[in-house]
N, C-alpha and C. Protein backbone atom coordinates (compact mmCIF):
# COMPACT_ATOMS: atom_id res chain seq x y z
N MET A 1 -23.91 43.64 14.97
CA MET A 1 -24.29 42.91 13.77
C MET A 1 -25.56 42.09 14.00
N LYS A 2 -25.58 41.42 15.16
CA LYS A 2 -26.74 40.59 15.49
C LYS A 2 -28.00 41.44 15.57
N GLU A 3 -27.87 42.62 16.18
CA GLU A 3 -29.01 43.52 16.32
C GLU A 3 -29.49 44.00 14.95
N PHE A 4 -28.54 44.27 14.06
CA PHE A 4 -28.88 44.70 12.69
C PHE A 4 -29.65 43.60 11.97
N LEU A 5 -29.17 42.34 12.09
CA LEU A 5 -29.82 41.21 11.43
C LEU A 5 -31.24 41.00 11.95
N ILE A 6 -31.42 41.11 13.26
CA ILE A 6 -32.74 40.93 13.86
C ILE A 6 -33.68 42.04 13.41
N LYS A 7 -33.17 43.26 13.43
CA LYS A 7 -33.99 44.42 13.07
C LYS A 7 -34.41 44.40 11.60
N ASN A 8 -33.53 43.89 10.74
CA ASN A 8 -33.79 43.91 9.30
C ASN A 8 -34.06 42.52 8.72
N LYS A 9 -34.52 41.58 9.54
CA LYS A 9 -34.67 40.20 9.08
C LYS A 9 -35.61 40.08 7.87
N TYR A 10 -36.72 40.83 7.87
CA TYR A 10 -37.66 40.74 6.74
C TYR A 10 -37.07 41.33 5.48
N ASN A 11 -36.30 42.40 5.62
CA ASN A 11 -35.63 42.99 4.46
C ASN A 11 -34.58 42.04 3.89
N ILE A 12 -33.85 41.39 4.76
CA ILE A 12 -32.81 40.45 4.32
C ILE A 12 -33.45 39.26 3.61
N ILE A 13 -34.53 38.72 4.19
CA ILE A 13 -35.26 37.61 3.57
C ILE A 13 -35.79 38.02 2.20
N ALA A 14 -36.33 39.24 2.11
CA ALA A 14 -36.87 39.74 0.84
C ALA A 14 -35.77 39.82 -0.23
N VAL A 15 -34.60 40.31 0.15
CA VAL A 15 -33.49 40.43 -0.81
C VAL A 15 -33.04 39.04 -1.27
N ILE A 16 -32.84 38.13 -0.33
CA ILE A 16 -32.41 36.76 -0.67
C ILE A 16 -33.45 36.08 -1.56
N ALA A 17 -34.72 36.23 -1.20
CA ALA A 17 -35.80 35.61 -1.98
C ALA A 17 -35.84 36.17 -3.39
N LEU A 18 -35.74 37.48 -3.52
CA LEU A 18 -35.79 38.11 -4.84
C LEU A 18 -34.65 37.63 -5.74
N VAL A 19 -33.44 37.62 -5.21
CA VAL A 19 -32.28 37.19 -5.99
C VAL A 19 -32.40 35.71 -6.37
N SER A 20 -32.73 34.86 -5.39
CA SER A 20 -32.83 33.42 -5.63
C SER A 20 -33.93 33.10 -6.64
N LEU A 21 -35.11 33.69 -6.45
CA LEU A 21 -36.22 33.39 -7.34
C LEU A 21 -36.02 33.96 -8.74
N THR A 22 -35.32 35.08 -8.85
CA THR A 22 -35.01 35.63 -10.17
C THR A 22 -34.10 34.67 -10.94
N ILE A 23 -33.10 34.15 -10.26
CA ILE A 23 -32.18 33.20 -10.89
C ILE A 23 -32.92 31.93 -11.31
N LEU A 24 -33.73 31.38 -10.42
CA LEU A 24 -34.48 30.16 -10.73
C LEU A 24 -35.47 30.38 -11.88
N GLY A 25 -36.14 31.53 -11.86
CA GLY A 25 -37.09 31.85 -12.93
C GLY A 25 -36.39 31.96 -14.28
N TYR A 26 -35.23 32.59 -14.29
CA TYR A 26 -34.46 32.75 -15.52
C TYR A 26 -34.01 31.39 -16.05
N ILE A 27 -33.53 30.53 -15.17
CA ILE A 27 -33.08 29.19 -15.58
C ILE A 27 -34.25 28.41 -16.17
N GLY A 28 -35.40 28.44 -15.51
CA GLY A 28 -36.59 27.74 -16.02
C GLY A 28 -37.03 28.26 -17.36
N TYR A 29 -36.99 29.57 -17.52
CA TYR A 29 -37.38 30.20 -18.78
C TYR A 29 -36.43 29.79 -19.91
N LYS A 30 -35.12 29.81 -19.63
CA LYS A 30 -34.12 29.45 -20.64
C LYS A 30 -34.21 27.97 -21.02
N LYS A 31 -34.62 27.13 -20.07
CA LYS A 31 -34.74 25.69 -20.35
C LYS A 31 -36.03 25.35 -21.09
N GLY A 32 -36.89 26.35 -21.29
CA GLY A 32 -38.12 26.13 -22.05
C GLY A 32 -39.22 25.43 -21.29
N LEU A 33 -39.19 25.52 -19.95
CA LEU A 33 -40.20 24.84 -19.15
C LEU A 33 -41.61 25.36 -19.39
N PHE A 34 -41.71 26.60 -19.84
CA PHE A 34 -43.02 27.22 -20.00
C PHE A 34 -43.48 27.28 -21.46
N ASN A 35 -42.77 26.55 -22.33
CA ASN A 35 -43.11 26.57 -23.76
C ASN A 35 -44.43 25.86 -24.06
N SER A 36 -44.73 24.84 -23.28
CA SER A 36 -45.98 24.10 -23.50
C SER A 36 -46.41 23.43 -22.20
N ILE A 37 -47.69 23.06 -22.15
CA ILE A 37 -48.20 22.36 -20.97
C ILE A 37 -47.43 21.05 -20.80
N GLU A 38 -47.15 20.38 -21.90
CA GLU A 38 -46.49 19.07 -21.83
C GLU A 38 -45.08 19.17 -21.26
N SER A 39 -44.29 20.15 -21.70
CA SER A 39 -42.91 20.28 -21.18
C SER A 39 -42.93 20.65 -19.70
N PHE A 40 -43.87 21.51 -19.33
CA PHE A 40 -44.00 21.91 -17.93
C PHE A 40 -44.45 20.73 -17.08
N ARG A 41 -45.44 19.99 -17.59
CA ARG A 41 -45.98 18.82 -16.87
C ARG A 41 -44.90 17.76 -16.66
N GLU A 42 -44.15 17.46 -17.70
CA GLU A 42 -43.07 16.46 -17.59
C GLU A 42 -42.04 16.87 -16.55
N PHE A 43 -41.67 18.14 -16.57
CA PHE A 43 -40.68 18.63 -15.61
C PHE A 43 -41.20 18.49 -14.17
N VAL A 44 -42.41 18.98 -13.92
CA VAL A 44 -42.98 18.94 -12.57
C VAL A 44 -43.15 17.51 -12.09
N LEU A 45 -43.74 16.64 -12.93
CA LEU A 45 -44.00 15.26 -12.52
C LEU A 45 -42.73 14.42 -12.39
N SER A 46 -41.63 14.89 -12.97
CA SER A 46 -40.36 14.16 -12.84
C SER A 46 -39.87 14.14 -11.39
N TYR A 47 -40.44 15.00 -10.55
CA TYR A 47 -40.05 15.05 -9.14
C TYR A 47 -40.86 14.11 -8.26
N GLY A 48 -41.72 13.30 -8.87
CA GLY A 48 -42.48 12.27 -8.15
C GLY A 48 -43.33 12.82 -7.02
N THR A 49 -43.09 12.34 -5.80
CA THR A 49 -43.90 12.74 -4.65
C THR A 49 -43.69 14.20 -4.25
N LYS A 50 -42.63 14.82 -4.78
CA LYS A 50 -42.37 16.23 -4.47
C LYS A 50 -42.86 17.15 -5.59
N ALA A 51 -43.58 16.60 -6.55
CA ALA A 51 -44.04 17.37 -7.71
C ALA A 51 -44.85 18.59 -7.30
N HIS A 52 -45.73 18.43 -6.31
CA HIS A 52 -46.58 19.56 -5.89
C HIS A 52 -45.74 20.69 -5.26
N ILE A 53 -44.66 20.33 -4.57
CA ILE A 53 -43.79 21.33 -3.96
C ILE A 53 -43.05 22.11 -5.06
N ILE A 54 -42.57 21.39 -6.07
CA ILE A 54 -41.88 22.03 -7.20
C ILE A 54 -42.85 22.96 -7.93
N PHE A 55 -44.08 22.49 -8.15
CA PHE A 55 -45.08 23.32 -8.82
C PHE A 55 -45.33 24.61 -8.01
N MET A 56 -45.51 24.47 -6.71
CA MET A 56 -45.79 25.64 -5.88
C MET A 56 -44.61 26.61 -5.87
N LEU A 57 -43.40 26.08 -5.88
CA LEU A 57 -42.21 26.94 -5.94
C LEU A 57 -42.19 27.72 -7.26
N ILE A 58 -42.51 27.04 -8.35
CA ILE A 58 -42.56 27.71 -9.66
C ILE A 58 -43.64 28.78 -9.66
N GLN A 59 -44.77 28.48 -9.03
CA GLN A 59 -45.87 29.45 -8.98
C GLN A 59 -45.44 30.70 -8.18
N VAL A 60 -44.73 30.49 -7.09
CA VAL A 60 -44.22 31.61 -6.29
C VAL A 60 -43.23 32.42 -7.13
N ILE A 61 -42.34 31.73 -7.85
CA ILE A 61 -41.34 32.40 -8.69
C ILE A 61 -42.02 33.29 -9.72
N GLN A 62 -43.07 32.77 -10.38
CA GLN A 62 -43.71 33.56 -11.44
C GLN A 62 -44.47 34.76 -10.89
N ILE A 63 -44.78 34.75 -9.61
CA ILE A 63 -45.41 35.93 -9.00
C ILE A 63 -44.35 36.98 -8.68
N VAL A 64 -43.23 36.53 -8.12
CA VAL A 64 -42.15 37.44 -7.75
C VAL A 64 -41.46 38.01 -8.99
N VAL A 65 -41.23 37.14 -9.97
CA VAL A 65 -40.58 37.55 -11.22
C VAL A 65 -41.54 37.19 -12.36
N PRO A 66 -42.49 38.08 -12.66
CA PRO A 66 -43.55 37.74 -13.63
C PRO A 66 -43.08 37.73 -15.08
N ILE A 67 -42.32 36.66 -15.43
CA ILE A 67 -41.82 36.55 -16.80
C ILE A 67 -42.80 35.78 -17.69
N ILE A 68 -43.75 35.10 -17.07
CA ILE A 68 -44.79 34.40 -17.83
C ILE A 68 -46.14 34.78 -17.25
N PRO A 69 -47.21 34.70 -18.03
CA PRO A 69 -48.53 35.06 -17.49
C PRO A 69 -48.93 34.13 -16.34
N GLY A 70 -49.35 34.74 -15.22
CA GLY A 70 -49.73 33.96 -14.04
C GLY A 70 -50.88 33.02 -14.29
N GLY A 71 -51.80 33.44 -15.14
CA GLY A 71 -52.96 32.60 -15.44
C GLY A 71 -52.55 31.28 -16.07
N LEU A 72 -51.43 31.31 -16.80
CA LEU A 72 -50.95 30.11 -17.48
C LEU A 72 -50.53 29.04 -16.48
N THR A 73 -49.73 29.42 -15.48
CA THR A 73 -49.30 28.43 -14.49
C THR A 73 -50.47 27.98 -13.62
N THR A 74 -51.45 28.87 -13.43
CA THR A 74 -52.65 28.49 -12.67
C THR A 74 -53.39 27.37 -13.39
N VAL A 75 -53.52 27.51 -14.70
CA VAL A 75 -54.16 26.47 -15.52
C VAL A 75 -53.34 25.20 -15.50
N PHE A 76 -52.01 25.34 -15.60
CA PHE A 76 -51.13 24.18 -15.57
C PHE A 76 -51.35 23.37 -14.29
N GLY A 77 -51.56 24.07 -13.17
CA GLY A 77 -51.80 23.38 -11.89
C GLY A 77 -53.01 22.50 -11.95
N VAL A 78 -54.09 22.99 -12.55
CA VAL A 78 -55.33 22.22 -12.66
C VAL A 78 -55.15 21.06 -13.63
N VAL A 79 -54.46 21.31 -14.73
CA VAL A 79 -54.24 20.26 -15.73
C VAL A 79 -53.37 19.14 -15.16
N ILE A 80 -52.35 19.50 -14.39
CA ILE A 80 -51.42 18.50 -13.85
C ILE A 80 -51.99 17.75 -12.65
N PHE A 81 -52.62 18.47 -11.71
CA PHE A 81 -53.03 17.85 -10.45
C PHE A 81 -54.54 17.63 -10.32
N GLY A 82 -55.30 18.06 -11.30
CA GLY A 82 -56.75 17.92 -11.21
C GLY A 82 -57.37 19.16 -10.57
N ALA A 83 -58.69 19.23 -10.65
CA ALA A 83 -59.40 20.43 -10.22
C ALA A 83 -59.19 20.76 -8.74
N PHE A 84 -59.36 19.77 -7.86
CA PHE A 84 -59.29 20.04 -6.42
C PHE A 84 -57.87 20.38 -5.98
N TRP A 85 -56.92 19.46 -6.22
CA TRP A 85 -55.56 19.68 -5.75
C TRP A 85 -54.88 20.81 -6.52
N GLY A 86 -55.23 20.96 -7.78
CA GLY A 86 -54.70 22.09 -8.55
C GLY A 86 -55.10 23.40 -7.92
N PHE A 87 -56.36 23.49 -7.50
CA PHE A 87 -56.85 24.70 -6.83
C PHE A 87 -56.11 24.92 -5.51
N VAL A 88 -55.97 23.87 -4.72
CA VAL A 88 -55.31 23.96 -3.41
C VAL A 88 -53.86 24.43 -3.57
N TYR A 89 -53.12 23.80 -4.48
CA TYR A 89 -51.71 24.17 -4.68
C TYR A 89 -51.59 25.59 -5.24
N ASN A 90 -52.49 25.93 -6.13
CA ASN A 90 -52.50 27.30 -6.67
C ASN A 90 -52.76 28.32 -5.55
N TYR A 91 -53.77 28.03 -4.74
CA TYR A 91 -54.16 28.96 -3.67
C TYR A 91 -53.00 29.20 -2.69
N ILE A 92 -52.41 28.11 -2.22
CA ILE A 92 -51.32 28.22 -1.24
C ILE A 92 -50.14 29.00 -1.83
N SER A 93 -49.71 28.62 -3.04
CA SER A 93 -48.53 29.24 -3.62
C SER A 93 -48.77 30.68 -4.05
N ILE A 94 -49.96 30.97 -4.59
CA ILE A 94 -50.26 32.34 -5.00
C ILE A 94 -50.33 33.27 -3.78
N CYS A 95 -50.93 32.79 -2.71
CA CYS A 95 -51.00 33.60 -1.48
C CYS A 95 -49.60 33.85 -0.91
N LEU A 96 -48.78 32.80 -0.86
CA LEU A 96 -47.41 32.95 -0.35
C LEU A 96 -46.60 33.90 -1.23
N GLY A 97 -46.72 33.73 -2.54
CA GLY A 97 -46.00 34.59 -3.47
C GLY A 97 -46.42 36.04 -3.34
N SER A 98 -47.72 36.26 -3.20
CA SER A 98 -48.24 37.63 -3.07
C SER A 98 -47.72 38.29 -1.80
N MET A 99 -47.67 37.53 -0.70
CA MET A 99 -47.17 38.07 0.56
C MET A 99 -45.67 38.37 0.48
N LEU A 100 -44.94 37.52 -0.21
CA LEU A 100 -43.52 37.74 -0.40
C LEU A 100 -43.28 39.01 -1.22
N VAL A 101 -44.08 39.19 -2.26
CA VAL A 101 -44.00 40.39 -3.10
C VAL A 101 -44.22 41.66 -2.28
N PHE A 102 -45.16 41.60 -1.36
CA PHE A 102 -45.45 42.74 -0.49
C PHE A 102 -44.19 43.15 0.27
N PHE A 103 -43.48 42.16 0.85
CA PHE A 103 -42.25 42.45 1.60
C PHE A 103 -41.13 42.94 0.68
N ILE A 104 -41.04 42.37 -0.51
CA ILE A 104 -40.01 42.81 -1.46
C ILE A 104 -40.24 44.27 -1.83
N SER A 105 -41.50 44.62 -2.09
CA SER A 105 -41.84 46.00 -2.43
C SER A 105 -41.56 46.95 -1.27
N ARG A 106 -41.88 46.52 -0.05
CA ARG A 106 -41.59 47.34 1.13
C ARG A 106 -40.09 47.56 1.29
N THR A 107 -39.30 46.56 0.91
CA THR A 107 -37.85 46.63 1.07
C THR A 107 -37.21 47.52 0.00
N PHE A 108 -37.59 47.32 -1.27
CA PHE A 108 -36.93 48.01 -2.38
C PHE A 108 -37.65 49.27 -2.84
N GLY A 109 -38.92 49.41 -2.49
CA GLY A 109 -39.67 50.60 -2.85
C GLY A 109 -40.04 50.68 -4.33
N LYS A 110 -40.31 51.88 -4.75
CA LYS A 110 -40.80 52.15 -6.11
C LYS A 110 -39.86 51.64 -7.19
N SER A 111 -38.56 51.66 -6.94
CA SER A 111 -37.57 51.29 -7.96
C SER A 111 -37.76 49.85 -8.46
N ILE A 112 -38.12 48.95 -7.55
CA ILE A 112 -38.30 47.54 -7.97
C ILE A 112 -39.51 47.41 -8.89
N ILE A 113 -40.54 48.20 -8.63
CA ILE A 113 -41.74 48.17 -9.47
C ILE A 113 -41.42 48.69 -10.87
N LEU A 114 -40.65 49.78 -10.92
CA LEU A 114 -40.26 50.34 -12.22
C LEU A 114 -39.37 49.38 -12.99
N ASP A 115 -38.46 48.69 -12.29
CA ASP A 115 -37.56 47.74 -12.94
C ASP A 115 -38.33 46.56 -13.54
N ILE A 116 -39.33 46.08 -12.82
CA ILE A 116 -40.06 44.89 -13.27
C ILE A 116 -41.18 45.23 -14.26
N PHE A 117 -41.94 46.27 -13.95
CA PHE A 117 -43.15 46.56 -14.74
C PHE A 117 -43.03 47.76 -15.67
N GLY A 118 -42.08 48.63 -15.41
CA GLY A 118 -41.89 49.81 -16.26
C GLY A 118 -42.68 51.02 -15.79
N GLN A 119 -42.25 52.17 -16.27
CA GLN A 119 -42.84 53.45 -15.88
C GLN A 119 -44.31 53.58 -16.31
N GLU A 120 -44.61 53.08 -17.50
CA GLU A 120 -45.97 53.23 -18.04
C GLU A 120 -47.01 52.54 -17.17
N THR A 121 -46.72 51.31 -16.76
CA THR A 121 -47.66 50.57 -15.90
C THR A 121 -47.79 51.26 -14.55
N TYR A 122 -46.66 51.69 -14.00
CA TYR A 122 -46.70 52.39 -12.71
C TYR A 122 -47.54 53.66 -12.81
N ASP A 123 -47.32 54.46 -13.86
CA ASP A 123 -48.05 55.72 -14.04
C ASP A 123 -49.55 55.51 -14.16
N LYS A 124 -49.92 54.36 -14.72
CA LYS A 124 -51.34 54.06 -14.92
C LYS A 124 -52.08 53.90 -13.60
N TYR A 125 -51.37 53.45 -12.56
CA TYR A 125 -52.02 53.17 -11.27
C TYR A 125 -51.54 54.03 -10.11
N LYS A 126 -50.49 54.83 -10.29
CA LYS A 126 -49.90 55.55 -9.15
C LYS A 126 -50.88 56.49 -8.45
N HIS A 127 -51.84 57.02 -9.19
CA HIS A 127 -52.82 57.94 -8.58
C HIS A 127 -53.67 57.22 -7.52
N LYS A 128 -53.76 55.90 -7.64
CA LYS A 128 -54.55 55.12 -6.68
C LYS A 128 -53.90 55.11 -5.29
N LEU A 129 -52.58 55.28 -5.24
CA LEU A 129 -51.86 55.20 -3.98
C LEU A 129 -52.36 56.22 -2.95
N LYS A 130 -52.78 57.39 -3.40
CA LYS A 130 -53.24 58.43 -2.48
C LYS A 130 -54.75 58.42 -2.29
N ASP A 131 -55.39 57.53 -2.98
CA ASP A 131 -56.86 57.42 -2.89
C ASP A 131 -57.26 56.81 -1.55
N LYS A 132 -58.21 57.42 -0.88
CA LYS A 132 -58.66 56.92 0.43
C LYS A 132 -59.37 55.58 0.31
N THR A 133 -59.84 55.27 -0.88
CA THR A 133 -60.55 54.00 -1.08
C THR A 133 -59.62 52.92 -1.66
N TYR A 134 -58.31 53.09 -1.51
CA TYR A 134 -57.36 52.14 -2.10
C TYR A 134 -57.60 50.72 -1.60
N GLU A 135 -57.87 50.57 -0.31
CA GLU A 135 -58.06 49.22 0.23
C GLU A 135 -59.24 48.52 -0.44
N LYS A 136 -60.32 49.25 -0.65
CA LYS A 136 -61.49 48.67 -1.33
C LYS A 136 -61.15 48.34 -2.78
N PHE A 137 -60.44 49.26 -3.45
CA PHE A 137 -60.02 49.02 -4.83
C PHE A 137 -59.16 47.76 -4.91
N PHE A 138 -58.19 47.63 -3.99
CA PHE A 138 -57.28 46.49 -3.99
C PHE A 138 -58.04 45.19 -3.76
N ALA A 139 -58.94 45.18 -2.78
CA ALA A 139 -59.72 43.97 -2.47
C ALA A 139 -60.55 43.55 -3.68
N LEU A 140 -61.20 44.50 -4.31
CA LEU A 140 -62.03 44.21 -5.48
C LEU A 140 -61.18 43.70 -6.64
N ALA A 141 -60.03 44.32 -6.84
CA ALA A 141 -59.12 43.90 -7.92
C ALA A 141 -58.62 42.48 -7.70
N ILE A 142 -58.31 42.13 -6.47
CA ILE A 142 -57.84 40.78 -6.15
C ILE A 142 -58.97 39.77 -6.32
N LEU A 143 -60.17 40.19 -6.03
CA LEU A 143 -61.35 39.32 -6.15
C LEU A 143 -61.64 38.96 -7.60
N LEU A 144 -61.42 39.92 -8.50
CA LEU A 144 -61.74 39.70 -9.92
C LEU A 144 -60.57 39.05 -10.65
N PRO A 145 -60.85 38.13 -11.58
CA PRO A 145 -59.76 37.41 -12.25
C PRO A 145 -59.10 38.17 -13.40
N VAL A 146 -59.46 39.43 -13.61
CA VAL A 146 -58.91 40.16 -14.76
C VAL A 146 -57.90 41.25 -14.37
N ALA A 147 -57.73 41.51 -13.10
CA ALA A 147 -56.82 42.58 -12.65
C ALA A 147 -55.36 42.11 -12.69
N PRO A 148 -54.41 43.06 -12.82
CA PRO A 148 -52.98 42.71 -12.79
C PRO A 148 -52.51 42.48 -11.34
N ASP A 149 -52.88 41.34 -10.79
CA ASP A 149 -52.66 41.05 -9.37
C ASP A 149 -51.21 41.21 -8.90
N ASP A 150 -50.28 40.63 -9.65
CA ASP A 150 -48.88 40.68 -9.22
C ASP A 150 -48.42 42.13 -9.09
N PHE A 151 -48.74 42.92 -10.09
CA PHE A 151 -48.37 44.34 -10.06
C PHE A 151 -49.01 45.04 -8.87
N LEU A 152 -50.30 44.78 -8.63
CA LEU A 152 -51.01 45.45 -7.55
C LEU A 152 -50.47 45.05 -6.17
N CYS A 153 -49.99 43.81 -6.05
CA CYS A 153 -49.37 43.40 -4.78
C CYS A 153 -48.07 44.16 -4.55
N TYR A 154 -47.30 44.33 -5.61
CA TYR A 154 -46.08 45.16 -5.52
C TYR A 154 -46.46 46.60 -5.16
N LEU A 155 -47.46 47.13 -5.85
CA LEU A 155 -47.88 48.52 -5.62
C LEU A 155 -48.35 48.73 -4.18
N THR A 156 -49.07 47.75 -3.65
CA THR A 156 -49.61 47.86 -2.29
C THR A 156 -48.50 47.93 -1.26
N GLY A 157 -47.35 47.36 -1.57
CA GLY A 157 -46.20 47.47 -0.67
C GLY A 157 -45.74 48.90 -0.48
N LEU A 158 -46.13 49.79 -1.37
CA LEU A 158 -45.76 51.21 -1.25
C LEU A 158 -46.74 52.00 -0.39
N THR A 159 -47.88 51.40 -0.09
CA THR A 159 -48.89 52.09 0.72
C THR A 159 -48.60 51.90 2.20
N ASP A 160 -49.43 52.51 3.05
CA ASP A 160 -49.25 52.31 4.50
C ASP A 160 -50.14 51.17 5.01
N MET A 161 -50.68 50.37 4.09
CA MET A 161 -51.50 49.22 4.51
C MET A 161 -50.66 48.26 5.34
N SER A 162 -51.22 47.78 6.43
CA SER A 162 -50.48 46.83 7.27
C SER A 162 -50.40 45.48 6.58
N PHE A 163 -49.36 44.70 6.93
CA PHE A 163 -49.23 43.37 6.35
C PHE A 163 -50.43 42.51 6.73
N ARG A 164 -50.92 42.69 7.93
CA ARG A 164 -52.06 41.89 8.39
C ARG A 164 -53.28 42.12 7.50
N LYS A 165 -53.56 43.39 7.19
CA LYS A 165 -54.71 43.71 6.34
C LYS A 165 -54.48 43.18 4.93
N PHE A 166 -53.25 43.35 4.43
CA PHE A 166 -52.90 42.85 3.10
C PHE A 166 -53.12 41.34 3.03
N ALA A 167 -52.59 40.62 4.01
CA ALA A 167 -52.71 39.16 4.04
C ALA A 167 -54.17 38.73 4.12
N THR A 168 -54.96 39.44 4.90
CA THR A 168 -56.39 39.11 5.03
C THR A 168 -57.09 39.26 3.68
N ILE A 169 -56.82 40.34 2.98
CA ILE A 169 -57.43 40.57 1.66
C ILE A 169 -57.01 39.46 0.70
N ILE A 170 -55.73 39.13 0.70
CA ILE A 170 -55.23 38.07 -0.20
C ILE A 170 -55.90 36.73 0.13
N LEU A 171 -55.90 36.36 1.39
CA LEU A 171 -56.44 35.05 1.79
C LEU A 171 -57.94 34.92 1.53
N LEU A 172 -58.68 36.02 1.69
CA LEU A 172 -60.13 35.96 1.51
C LEU A 172 -60.58 36.21 0.07
N CYS A 173 -59.87 37.05 -0.64
CA CYS A 173 -60.32 37.44 -1.99
C CYS A 173 -59.69 36.63 -3.12
N LYS A 174 -58.62 35.93 -2.86
CA LYS A 174 -57.96 35.15 -3.90
C LYS A 174 -58.75 33.92 -4.36
N PRO A 175 -59.38 33.16 -3.46
CA PRO A 175 -60.02 31.91 -3.91
C PRO A 175 -61.00 32.04 -5.08
N PRO A 176 -61.93 33.03 -5.07
CA PRO A 176 -62.85 33.10 -6.22
C PRO A 176 -62.14 33.35 -7.55
N SER A 177 -61.14 34.25 -7.55
CA SER A 177 -60.46 34.55 -8.82
C SER A 177 -59.62 33.36 -9.28
N ILE A 178 -58.96 32.67 -8.35
CA ILE A 178 -58.18 31.48 -8.73
C ILE A 178 -59.11 30.43 -9.30
N PHE A 179 -60.24 30.23 -8.63
CA PHE A 179 -61.22 29.23 -9.10
C PHE A 179 -61.73 29.58 -10.49
N LEU A 180 -62.18 30.82 -10.66
CA LEU A 180 -62.73 31.23 -11.96
C LEU A 180 -61.69 31.16 -13.07
N TYR A 181 -60.51 31.64 -12.77
CA TYR A 181 -59.45 31.67 -13.78
C TYR A 181 -59.04 30.26 -14.19
N SER A 182 -58.72 29.43 -13.19
CA SER A 182 -58.22 28.09 -13.50
C SER A 182 -59.31 27.21 -14.09
N MET A 183 -60.52 27.26 -13.52
CA MET A 183 -61.59 26.41 -14.03
C MET A 183 -62.05 26.88 -15.41
N GLY A 184 -62.12 28.19 -15.59
CA GLY A 184 -62.53 28.73 -16.88
C GLY A 184 -61.59 28.31 -17.98
N TRP A 185 -60.29 28.44 -17.71
CA TRP A 185 -59.30 28.05 -18.70
C TRP A 185 -59.31 26.54 -18.92
N ALA A 186 -59.36 25.80 -17.81
CA ALA A 186 -59.32 24.33 -17.91
C ALA A 186 -60.53 23.81 -18.69
N MET A 187 -61.71 24.36 -18.40
CA MET A 187 -62.91 23.92 -19.10
C MET A 187 -62.86 24.34 -20.55
N GLY A 188 -62.27 25.50 -20.82
CA GLY A 188 -62.10 25.96 -22.20
C GLY A 188 -61.18 25.04 -22.97
N LEU A 189 -60.07 24.64 -22.34
CA LEU A 189 -59.14 23.70 -22.98
C LEU A 189 -59.81 22.35 -23.22
N ASP A 190 -60.56 21.90 -22.21
CA ASP A 190 -61.30 20.65 -22.32
C ASP A 190 -62.26 20.68 -23.52
N PHE A 191 -62.99 21.80 -23.62
CA PHE A 191 -63.96 21.96 -24.70
C PHE A 191 -63.26 21.89 -26.06
N ILE A 192 -62.15 22.61 -26.17
CA ILE A 192 -61.40 22.62 -27.44
C ILE A 192 -60.88 21.24 -27.79
N VAL A 193 -60.30 20.55 -26.79
CA VAL A 193 -59.75 19.20 -27.03
C VAL A 193 -60.86 18.24 -27.45
N ASN A 194 -62.01 18.28 -26.76
CA ASN A 194 -63.11 17.37 -27.07
C ASN A 194 -63.79 17.72 -28.39
N LYS A 195 -63.83 18.98 -28.72
CA LYS A 195 -64.51 19.45 -29.94
C LYS A 195 -63.70 19.09 -31.18
N PHE A 196 -62.39 19.19 -31.05
CA PHE A 196 -61.54 18.94 -32.23
C PHE A 196 -60.69 17.71 -31.99
């Protein structure tokens, strides 16, 4: 038994994480935490000095179980914690969530992608899996703020890309897209609030 646990530790962690985060995401969704910036902000800040940890946990949950648009929580981070710390908390949690997704995909395979995203989304990108330039495609997609990042992280778990290479791409290519996405949205909200 001990040998089995050691050999499959990442698979076991992936299963526990998926189940736990799915339950937490569902509870948050049912409680209406994502209905508005104000309800989300009140909930996160109610944890006082641990508010940033709660925010990062929520950000990880929304990557693993994408029930709300990721860009929305990224903006919430900037609105709640300010430009600098919002970016830092977003970066850390998005990178951790993406890496966790990679392991979940490696553990459950194609079925988990179909369950979460559906056949149509999978069919749209499945041809990329056999493409020799997949690594370049993935890096470029992660770099740009318009690609379906969460889905692509799940999809990459089906490839033979090493975790080390995956993590390197995430750590190096995520900052520009997080910055552009969060700052663009935050400045857009600022403009709207000040204009009207």
